[in-house]
Protein backbone atom coordinates (compact mmCIF):
# COMPACT_ATOMS: atom_id res chain seq x y z
CA MET A 1 4.30 -26.29 18.15
CA SER A 2 2.47 -25.90 21.82
CA ARG A 3 0.74 -23.07 23.11
CA ILE A 4 1.79 -19.69 21.31
CA PHE A 5 0.38 -16.20 21.89
CA PRO A 6 -1.64 -16.11 24.95
CA TYR A 7 -5.07 -14.83 24.09
CA LEU A 8 -5.54 -12.77 27.34
CA LEU A 9 -2.80 -9.91 27.37
CA ILE A 10 -1.37 -9.14 30.86
CA PHE A 11 -0.83 -5.03 31.61
CA LEU A 12 2.90 -4.38 31.89
CA LEU A 13 4.86 -1.74 33.00
CA PHE A 14 7.23 -1.53 30.28
CA SER A 15 8.78 1.66 29.32
CA ALA A 16 7.56 3.14 26.30
CA CYS A 17 10.72 5.15 25.11
CA THR A 18 13.75 2.70 24.97
CA PRO A 19 14.43 -0.78 26.26
CA ASN A 20 16.29 -2.19 28.98
CA GLY A 21 17.29 1.36 30.66
CA GLU A 22 19.41 2.00 27.63
CA LYS A 23 20.05 5.49 27.63
CA ASN A 24 20.20 7.21 23.96
CA GLY A 25 20.10 10.55 25.10
CA VAL A 26 22.81 12.99 24.46
CA ASP A 27 23.40 16.78 25.20
CA VAL A 28 22.64 18.76 22.20
CA SER A 29 22.25 22.09 23.86
CA ASP A 30 25.62 23.58 22.23
CA ILE A 31 24.76 22.23 18.44
CA GLU A 32 23.26 25.21 16.27
CA VAL A 33 21.15 24.46 13.46
CA ASP A 34 19.69 27.22 11.23
CA PHE A 35 16.75 26.84 9.15
CA SER A 36 13.46 28.69 8.17
CA LEU A 37 9.82 27.87 8.80
CA ASP A 38 7.57 29.07 5.84
CA ARG A 39 3.82 28.59 6.19
CA PHE A 40 2.91 28.38 2.31
CA ASP A 41 -0.38 26.80 3.49
CA GLN A 42 -1.13 30.06 5.54
CA ASN A 43 -0.18 32.41 2.85
CA PHE A 44 -1.95 30.57 0.17
CA TYR A 45 -5.43 30.43 1.67
CA THR A 46 -5.31 33.96 3.00
CA THR A 47 -4.04 35.67 0.14
CA ASN A 48 -6.40 37.66 -2.10
CA PRO A 49 -6.96 36.03 -5.54
CA SER A 50 -6.05 39.48 -7.23
CA ASP A 51 -2.68 38.79 -5.38
CA LEU A 52 -2.03 35.28 -7.23
CA ASN A 53 0.80 36.60 -9.22
CA THR A 54 2.63 37.94 -6.54
CA LEU A 55 2.24 34.64 -4.35
CA LYS A 56 3.34 32.64 -7.54
CA ASN A 57 6.71 34.99 -7.89
CA LYS A 58 7.45 33.94 -4.11
CA TYR A 59 6.63 30.65 -4.52
CA PRO A 60 7.75 29.29 -8.02
CA ARG A 61 8.30 25.83 -6.91
CA MET A 62 4.85 25.48 -5.27
CA LEU A 63 2.78 27.05 -7.75
CA SER A 64 3.84 26.19 -11.14
CA GLY A 65 2.60 23.39 -13.86
CA ALA A 66 -0.91 24.58 -13.65
CA GLU A 67 -3.11 27.38 -15.31
CA ASP A 68 -4.15 30.59 -13.05
CA SER A 69 -7.63 29.05 -13.16
CA VAL A 70 -6.46 26.12 -10.94
CA TRP A 71 -5.20 27.57 -8.30
CA LEU A 72 -7.71 30.38 -8.17
CA ASN A 73 -10.51 27.76 -7.65
CA LYS A 74 -8.09 25.78 -4.73
CA MET A 75 -8.04 29.17 -3.02
CA LYS A 76 -12.04 28.94 -2.54
CA ASN A 77 -12.65 25.06 -2.93
CA GLU A 78 -14.65 24.29 0.54
CA ASP A 79 -12.57 20.98 0.84
CA ASP A 80 -9.06 22.42 0.79
CA LEU A 81 -10.45 25.45 2.96
CA TYR A 82 -11.89 22.64 5.29
CA LEU A 83 -8.29 20.79 5.68
CA PHE A 84 -6.79 24.04 6.03
CA SER A 85 -9.11 25.38 8.90
CA GLU A 86 -8.51 21.75 10.64
CA SER A 87 -4.71 22.14 10.29
CA GLN A 88 -5.02 25.58 11.84
CA LYS A 89 -6.79 24.35 14.84
CA VAL A 90 -4.34 21.41 15.37
CA PHE A 91 -1.16 23.20 14.71
CA GLY A 92 -1.52 27.30 15.51
CA ASN A 93 1.44 28.98 14.79
CA PHE A 94 3.37 25.62 14.19
CA SER A 95 5.75 26.50 17.28
CA GLU A 96 5.93 23.19 19.20
CA THR A 97 6.28 21.45 16.14
CA LYS A 98 9.02 23.42 14.84
CA ASN A 99 10.83 23.10 18.13
CA GLU A 100 10.54 19.16 17.84
CA LEU A 101 12.26 19.46 14.35
CA GLU A 102 14.69 21.66 15.88
CA GLN A 103 15.47 18.81 18.26
CA LEU A 104 15.56 16.34 15.58
CA PHE A 105 17.85 18.33 13.35
CA LYS A 106 20.34 19.14 16.18
CA HIS A 107 20.39 15.37 17.20
CA ILE A 108 21.05 14.34 13.42
CA LYS A 109 23.63 17.12 13.36
CA TYR A 110 25.24 15.76 16.88
CA TYR A 111 25.86 12.13 14.85
CA THR A 112 26.46 13.52 11.39
CA PRO A 113 28.32 17.03 11.58
CA SER A 114 28.01 17.76 7.89
CA PHE A 115 24.23 17.42 8.24
CA LYS A 116 22.53 20.91 7.18
CA ALA A 117 18.91 21.42 8.58
CA PRO A 118 16.46 21.63 5.64
CA ASN A 119 14.03 24.84 5.41
CA VAL A 120 10.64 23.86 6.36
CA ILE A 121 7.56 24.58 3.83
CA THR A 122 4.09 23.35 5.29
CA HIS A 123 1.01 22.79 2.95
CA ILE A 124 -2.16 21.27 2.31
CA SER A 125 -1.75 18.30 -0.07
CA ASN A 126 -5.62 17.31 -0.31
CA LEU A 127 -4.86 14.09 1.39
CA ASP A 128 -1.88 12.70 -0.31
CA TYR A 129 -1.29 9.89 2.07
CA ASP A 130 1.87 8.75 -0.07
CA TYR A 131 3.84 12.09 0.79
CA PRO A 132 3.13 13.29 3.91
CA VAL A 133 6.67 14.64 4.54
CA ILE A 134 9.04 15.02 1.62
CA TYR A 135 13.00 15.61 2.26
CA ALA A 136 14.51 17.01 -0.63
CA ASP A 137 17.89 18.15 0.46
CA THR A 138 17.61 21.87 1.29
CA LEU A 139 13.67 21.59 2.24
CA LEU A 140 11.43 19.59 4.29
CA PHE A 141 7.64 19.87 2.88
CA VAL A 142 5.09 18.86 5.67
CA ALA A 143 1.38 18.34 4.57
CA LEU A 144 -0.33 19.45 7.58
CA ASP A 145 -3.55 17.96 6.41
CA MET A 146 -2.17 14.36 7.15
CA TYR A 147 -1.69 14.92 10.98
CA LEU A 148 -5.43 16.21 11.86
CA GLY A 149 -5.79 13.34 14.43
CA ARG A 150 -6.57 9.81 13.85
CA ASN A 151 -10.38 10.24 14.63
CA ASN A 152 -10.59 13.25 12.18
CA ILE A 153 -13.89 12.75 9.67
CA VAL A 154 -11.71 13.37 6.77
CA TYR A 155 -9.97 10.06 7.34
CA SER A 156 -13.02 7.95 7.81
CA ASP A 157 -12.17 6.10 4.33
CA PHE A 158 -8.88 5.06 5.63
CA PRO A 159 -8.15 2.10 7.28
CA LYS A 160 -7.63 2.33 10.94
CA TYR A 161 -3.94 0.74 11.00
CA ILE A 162 -2.95 3.58 8.69
CA SER A 163 -5.17 6.34 10.14
CA GLN A 164 -3.91 5.89 13.43
CA ASN A 165 -0.45 7.44 12.55
CA TYR A 166 -2.19 10.85 11.15
CA VAL A 167 -1.40 12.69 14.64
CA LYS A 168 0.45 15.57 15.36
CA GLU A 169 3.24 14.03 16.99
CA ALA A 170 3.92 11.86 13.91
CA VAL A 171 5.40 14.93 12.07
CA VAL A 172 8.84 14.89 13.53
CA VAL A 173 8.76 11.16 13.22
CA ASP A 174 7.94 11.09 9.55
CA ALA A 175 10.32 13.98 9.00
CA ALA A 176 13.10 11.67 10.71
CA LYS A 177 12.38 8.58 8.68
CA ASP A 178 12.34 10.62 5.25
CA ILE A 179 15.56 12.10 5.95
CA ILE A 180 16.96 8.62 6.71
CA ASN A 181 15.58 6.75 3.75
CA GLN A 182 17.30 9.78 1.39
CA SER A 183 20.61 9.53 3.60
CA TYR A 184 20.94 5.86 4.08
CA ARG A 185 20.62 3.24 1.05
CA LYS A 186 18.89 0.15 2.12
CA GLU A 187 21.12 -2.92 2.12
CA LYS A 188 19.92 -5.64 -0.50
CA SER A 189 18.22 -8.43 1.82
CA ARG A 190 18.89 -12.18 0.93
CA THR A 191 17.23 -13.61 3.80
CA PHE A 192 14.13 -12.90 5.88
CA LEU A 193 16.75 -12.38 8.90
CA ASP A 194 18.51 -9.70 6.61
CA ARG A 195 15.52 -7.86 5.86
CA MET A 196 14.43 -7.71 9.57
CA ILE A 197 17.96 -6.34 10.73
CA ASN A 198 18.01 -3.83 7.92
CA GLU A 199 14.65 -2.40 8.90
CA GLY A 200 15.79 -2.48 12.43
CA LYS A 201 18.80 -0.55 11.82
CA PHE A 202 16.70 2.42 10.51
CA LEU A 203 14.39 2.21 13.38
CA TYR A 204 17.77 2.32 15.62
CA LEU A 205 18.59 5.50 13.98
CA LEU A 206 15.18 7.05 15.34
CA ASP A 207 16.17 6.07 18.83
CA ARG A 208 19.14 7.96 18.63
CA TYR A 209 17.67 11.03 16.72
CA LEU A 210 14.47 10.98 18.44
CA PRO A 211 15.17 9.75 22.61
CA ASN A 212 12.27 11.28 24.04
CA THR A 213 9.75 9.72 21.41
CA SER A 214 7.97 6.59 22.54
CA ASP A 215 8.37 3.24 20.57
CA LYS A 216 5.13 2.79 19.49
CA LEU A 217 5.23 6.44 17.89
CA LYS A 218 8.42 5.30 15.97
CA ILE A 219 6.86 1.99 14.64
CA HIS A 220 3.51 3.38 14.04
CA TYR A 221 1.57 1.04 16.88
CA ASP A 222 -1.26 1.78 19.07
CA ALA A 223 -1.28 0.91 22.89
CA ASP A 224 -2.60 -2.81 21.89
CA LYS A 225 -0.26 -3.69 19.32
CA MET A 226 2.57 -2.18 21.45
CA GLU A 227 1.58 -4.27 24.45
CA PHE A 228 1.04 -7.27 22.29
CA VAL A 229 4.80 -7.41 20.77
CA GLN A 230 6.33 -6.42 24.18
CA MET A 231 4.66 -9.29 25.93
CA ASN A 232 5.24 -11.95 22.92
CA GLU A 233 8.37 -11.12 21.70
CA ILE A 234 9.88 -14.46 22.78
CA ASN A 235 6.92 -16.47 21.47
CA ILE A 236 7.56 -14.32 18.02
CA TRP A 237 11.06 -15.60 17.94
CA LYS A 238 10.28 -19.04 18.86
CA TYR A 239 7.77 -19.00 16.02
CA PHE A 240 10.51 -17.88 13.69
CA ILE A 241 13.03 -20.27 14.81
CA GLU A 242 11.01 -23.24 14.88
CA ASN A 243 9.47 -22.81 11.56
CA GLU A 244 13.29 -22.06 10.15
CA LEU A 245 12.09 -18.70 8.87
CA LEU A 246 15.46 -16.77 9.73
CA PHE A 247 17.68 -17.82 6.65
CA SER A 248 14.67 -18.46 4.36
CA ASN A 249 14.41 -16.37 0.97
CA ASP A 250 10.86 -16.49 0.63
CA SER A 251 9.90 -12.97 -0.40
CA LYS A 252 6.10 -14.16 1.04
CA LEU A 253 7.73 -13.60 4.34
CA ASN A 254 7.95 -9.60 3.67
CA ALA A 255 4.23 -9.46 3.26
CA ARG A 256 3.49 -11.72 6.11
CA PHE A 257 5.79 -9.96 8.87
CA ILE A 258 7.64 -6.97 7.40
CA ASP A 259 5.59 -4.88 5.17
CA LEU A 260 2.81 -2.28 6.41
CA ALA A 261 -0.07 -4.23 7.17
CA PRO A 262 -3.27 -4.53 9.57
CA PHE A 263 -1.92 -7.45 11.30
CA SER A 264 0.79 -10.27 10.95
CA LYS A 265 0.48 -13.53 9.23
CA PHE A 266 1.22 -16.40 11.39
CA TYR A 267 -1.85 -18.48 9.85
CA LYS A 268 -3.36 -18.95 13.38
CA GLU A 269 -6.67 -18.38 14.52
CA PHE A 270 -5.51 -15.40 16.34
CA ASP A 271 -3.61 -13.40 13.64
CA GLN A 272 -6.14 -10.77 13.44
CA GLU A 273 -5.03 -9.71 17.45
CA THR A 274 -1.54 -9.38 16.09
CA PRO A 275 -0.06 -6.09 14.86
CA GLY A 276 1.80 -5.84 11.29
CA ARG A 277 5.56 -5.79 10.77
CA VAL A 278 6.36 -8.16 13.73
CA GLY A 279 9.59 -8.85 12.02
CA VAL A 280 10.93 -5.25 12.17
CA TRP A 281 10.08 -5.18 15.75
CA ILE A 282 12.48 -8.23 16.17
CA GLY A 283 14.89 -6.68 13.80
CA TRP A 284 14.75 -3.61 15.75
CA GLN A 285 15.45 -5.32 19.19
CA ILE A 286 18.44 -7.41 17.63
CA VAL A 287 20.06 -4.20 16.52
CA ARG A 288 19.39 -2.35 19.82
CA ALA A 289 21.11 -5.75 21.30
CA TYR A 290 24.00 -5.41 18.99
CA MET A 291 24.46 -1.61 20.03
CA LYS A 292 24.10 -2.16 23.81
CA ASN A 293 26.89 -5.02 23.51
CA ASN A 294 29.33 -3.68 21.01
CA ASP A 295 31.06 -0.18 20.87
CA VAL A 296 30.62 1.15 17.37
CA THR A 297 29.25 4.34 15.89
CA LEU A 298 26.04 4.73 14.08
CA GLN A 299 27.88 4.84 10.73
CA GLN A 300 29.51 1.67 11.59
CA LEU A 301 26.28 0.11 12.48
CA MET A 302 24.83 1.18 8.85
CA ALA A 303 27.99 -0.40 7.48
CA THR A 304 27.77 -3.55 9.08
CA SER A 305 26.09 -6.58 7.59
CA PRO A 306 22.97 -8.16 9.34
CA GLU A 307 24.85 -11.46 9.66
CA ILE A 308 27.52 -9.85 11.88
CA ILE A 309 25.03 -7.70 13.53
CA TYR A 310 23.00 -11.03 14.28
CA LYS A 311 26.08 -12.98 15.57
CA LYS A 312 27.23 -10.05 17.78
CA SER A 313 24.19 -9.13 19.31
CA LYS A 314 23.76 -11.82 21.85
CA TYR A 315 20.23 -10.98 21.23
CA LYS A 316 17.79 -12.92 23.76
CA PRO A 317 14.09 -11.95 23.71
CA ARG A 318 12.21 -10.56 26.80
CA LYS A 319 10.04 -13.26 28.59
């Protein structure tokens, strides 16, 4: 295949929010959501050790399964206190992030009226990167120490492609993703195209739930990676077509183009210049094209097979 992926990227003036001028914003000003904010992190690290029993009675869910000595040691642990101090600097009284979560909850309720906003509990997780946000029906747990800023020293041992996501603005994105993951079961994917489109469905829900959030934050790309997929969308698509990957059931394609990774694997000399998950990006664009060209609800989208979405999307990658 001749010339694929130019090495020198040209700066493009793409919109960071939604493609092709598509409007995902809706008026949620009249929608009411009722939820509380509980700063467990503040209550825990500012409580006098002599008042531990009072704290345990207030937070049986958070302070169970361990001896009192464990909690008392955590209260004065230097590493824990550093993480708490850093989170205070970043989040303050949490009002800004709370407002963002409120807007998220309103948008979800707009599209799913039965949705009930969960109460939010903030805590320090000791850098539990597997579960930065946990949605559990009536509760949303947010580990503030996983959003201290990509350059914070506590993430120095983390790979850059992962630590770049540990920013304050990502809290609402991760909250939306976990709510989506708990609310919609991912369909079984038989082919590479199925997997791309199924992943694209979930990102499209973010378009609707977070209409003012940039694409790069939703897919967790930095500016260079975002620029790459925008510039090379047609080249990525050509590669998939010319190598007959769309209807392949080779599970190795997931690791190459779908799963979280520092870069995608085209097996070309420029691989390390690429972002990971380019298959997810393409699937997202296919779903966007489908929703633009078909009058369907979000619920109908989630129930529609990838094959039908692909056929009716009239997808044409940007040149």
